[in-house]
Each structure stands twice: as structure tokens, then as C-alpha cells.
């Protein structure tokens, strides 16, 4: 779950930075024009929610399997 949250945060930050560079640096330098940024918040929030749901769903099976093994039986080779 934390990996999904971290990935969503880093991906969002990277996407915003890339969009700003393209809008305010690349477009004026190479094309002579720029555009106004538009953030489709409902779609972005829906995608973030789906990413978090997928991370949660992917973590359920390993968590259940790991919770069945007593801590005394774990050693470094099992991890």
C-alpha cells in the first residue's frame, strides 16, 4: 500500500513537472506559442484511487500468506 502511495505521489509530481516544462519552456522555444494548463481533477483523482485500489488488492495475498507463518519459523533464507 505504501509503495502505491509513494508511486502515485512521485508519478504525479513528475508528471506535473514534465507538463510545466513542456508548456512553459519547450513550446515557446520551439513553436513560438504556449497553452494554458488544464487539470482534469475528477479523472486524476479517479486514476489515483484505482492505483491505490490495485496496490491494496495486490498486497492482500502476500499479507495473508505471511501472517500464517509463525515468527519463530522465519529466517533470512525465507525472506
C-alpha atoms as a PDB file:
ATOM      1  CA  UNK A   1       0.000   0.000   0.000  1.00  0.00           C
ATOM      2  CA  UNK A   2       2.826   2.391   0.850  1.00  0.00           C
ATOM      3  CA  UNK A   3       4.505   1.566  -2.461  1.00  0.00           C
ATOM      4  CA  UNK A   4       1.318   2.517  -4.300  1.00  0.00           C
ATOM      5  CA  UNK A   5       1.062   5.776  -2.386  1.00  0.00           C
ATOM      6  CA  UNK A   6       4.719   6.611  -2.981  1.00  0.00           C
ATOM      7  CA  UNK A   7       4.466   5.696  -6.667  1.00  0.00           C
ATOM      8  CA  UNK A   8       1.339   7.802  -7.101  1.00  0.00           C
ATOM      9  CA  UNK A   9       2.936  10.794  -5.387  1.00  0.00           C
ATOM     10  CA  UNK A  10       6.206  10.568  -7.315  1.00  0.00           C
ATOM     11  CA  UNK A  11       4.425   9.920 -10.611  1.00  0.00           C
ATOM     12  CA  UNK A  12       2.100  12.863 -10.078  1.00  0.00           C
ATOM     13  CA  UNK A  13       4.955  15.190  -9.171  1.00  0.00           C
ATOM     14  CA  UNK A  14       7.000  14.041 -12.155  1.00  0.00           C
ATOM     15  CA  UNK A  15       4.027  14.396 -14.498  1.00  0.00           C
ATOM     16  CA  UNK A  16       3.268  17.919 -13.309  1.00  0.00           C
ATOM     17  CA  UNK A  17       6.907  18.966 -13.657  1.00  0.00           C
ATOM     18  CA  UNK A  18       7.129  17.479 -17.148  1.00  0.00           C
ATOM     19  CA  UNK A  19       3.902  19.208 -18.182  1.00  0.00           C
ATOM     20  CA  UNK A  20       5.156  22.562 -16.889  1.00  0.00           C
ATOM     21  CA  UNK A  21       8.463  22.205 -18.729  1.00  0.00           C
ATOM     22  CA  UNK A  22       6.664  21.317 -21.953  1.00  0.00           C
ATOM     23  CA  UNK A  23       4.133  24.134 -21.617  1.00  0.00           C
ATOM     24  CA  UNK A  24       6.418  26.956 -20.498  1.00  0.00           C
ATOM     25  CA  UNK A  25       9.833  26.013 -21.933  1.00  0.00           C
ATOM     26  CA  UNK A  26       9.637  23.665 -24.914  1.00  0.00           C
ATOM     27  CA  UNK A  27       6.533  25.020 -26.667  1.00  0.00           C
ATOM     28  CA  UNK A  28       7.595  28.703 -26.634  1.00  0.00           C
ATOM     29  CA  UNK A  29      11.191  27.888 -27.609  1.00  0.00           C
ATOM     30  CA  UNK A  30      10.426  25.547 -30.498  1.00  0.00           C
ATOM     31  CA  UNK A  31       6.947  26.517 -31.657  1.00  0.00           C
ATOM     32  CA  UNK A  32       6.574  30.122 -30.527  1.00  0.00           C
ATOM     33  CA  UNK A  33       3.343  29.526 -28.646  1.00  0.00           C
ATOM     34  CA  UNK A  34       2.116  28.139 -25.347  1.00  0.00           C
ATOM     35  CA  UNK A  35      -1.103  26.787 -23.898  1.00  0.00           C
ATOM     36  CA  UNK A  36      -2.879  27.254 -20.609  1.00  0.00           C
ATOM     37  CA  UNK A  37      -2.677  24.260 -18.295  1.00  0.00           C
ATOM     38  CA  UNK A  38      -5.910  22.442 -17.572  1.00  0.00           C
ATOM     39  CA  UNK A  39      -6.017  19.893 -14.758  1.00  0.00           C
ATOM     40  CA  UNK A  40      -8.878  17.366 -15.089  1.00  0.00           C
ATOM     41  CA  UNK A  41      -9.225  16.795 -11.343  1.00  0.00           C
ATOM     42  CA  UNK A  42     -12.020  14.190 -11.425  1.00  0.00           C
ATOM     43  CA  UNK A  43     -10.082  11.970 -13.851  1.00  0.00           C
ATOM     44  CA  UNK A  44      -6.823  12.427 -11.936  1.00  0.00           C
ATOM     45  CA  UNK A  45      -8.452  11.544  -8.615  1.00  0.00           C
ATOM     46  CA  UNK A  46     -10.158   8.530 -10.183  1.00  0.00           C
ATOM     47  CA  UNK A  47      -6.850   7.251 -11.543  1.00  0.00           C
ATOM     48  CA  UNK A  48      -5.125   7.776  -8.190  1.00  0.00           C
ATOM     49  CA  UNK A  49      -7.938   5.872  -6.498  1.00  0.00           C
ATOM     50  CA  UNK A  50      -7.654   2.999  -8.951  1.00  0.00           C
ATOM     51  CA  UNK A  51      -3.890   2.837  -8.405  1.00  0.00           C
ATOM     52  CA  UNK A  52      -4.380   2.688  -4.642  1.00  0.00           C
ATOM     53  CA  UNK A  53      -7.078   0.019  -5.025  1.00  0.00           C
ATOM     54  CA  UNK A  54      -4.741  -2.072  -7.197  1.00  0.00           C
ATOM     55  CA  UNK A  55      -1.919  -1.682  -4.656  1.00  0.00           C
ATOM     56  CA  UNK A  56      -4.242  -2.748  -1.847  1.00  0.00           C
ATOM     57  CA  UNK A  57      -5.566  -5.718  -3.840  1.00  0.00           C
ATOM     58  CA  UNK A  58      -2.029  -6.805  -4.723  1.00  0.00           C
ATOM     59  CA  UNK A  59      -0.945  -6.661  -1.076  1.00  0.00           C
ATOM     60  CA  UNK A  60      -3.746  -8.790   0.375  1.00  0.00           C
ATOM     61  CA  UNK A  61      -2.471 -12.229  -0.704  1.00  0.00           C
ATOM     62  CA  UNK A  62       1.155 -11.724   0.472  1.00  0.00           C
ATOM     63  CA  UNK A  63      -0.070 -10.258   3.763  1.00  0.00           C
ATOM     64  CA  UNK A  64      -2.409 -13.175   4.416  1.00  0.00           C
ATOM     65  CA  UNK A  65       0.248 -15.700   3.481  1.00  0.00           C
ATOM     66  CA  UNK A  66       2.858 -14.002   5.636  1.00  0.00           C
ATOM     67  CA  UNK A  67       0.514 -13.786   8.613  1.00  0.00           C
ATOM     68  CA  UNK A  68       0.103 -17.579   8.678  1.00  0.00           C
ATOM     69  CA  UNK A  69       3.802 -18.242   9.317  1.00  0.00           C
ATOM     70  CA  UNK A  70       4.833 -18.008  12.988  1.00  0.00           C
ATOM     71  CA  UNK A  71       7.643 -15.521  13.560  1.00  0.00           C
ATOM     72  CA  UNK A  72       9.848 -18.198  15.166  1.00  0.00           C
ATOM     73  CA  UNK A  73       9.940 -20.148  11.898  1.00  0.00           C
ATOM     74  CA  UNK A  74      11.186 -17.257   9.783  1.00  0.00           C
ATOM     75  CA  UNK A  75      14.832 -16.983   8.915  1.00  0.00           C
ATOM     76  CA  UNK A  76      16.793 -14.925   6.413  1.00  0.00           C
ATOM     77  CA  UNK A  77      16.563 -17.510   3.638  1.00  0.00           C
ATOM     78  CA  UNK A  78      12.758 -17.419   3.747  1.00  0.00           C
ATOM     79  CA  UNK A  79      12.574 -13.659   3.243  1.00  0.00           C
END
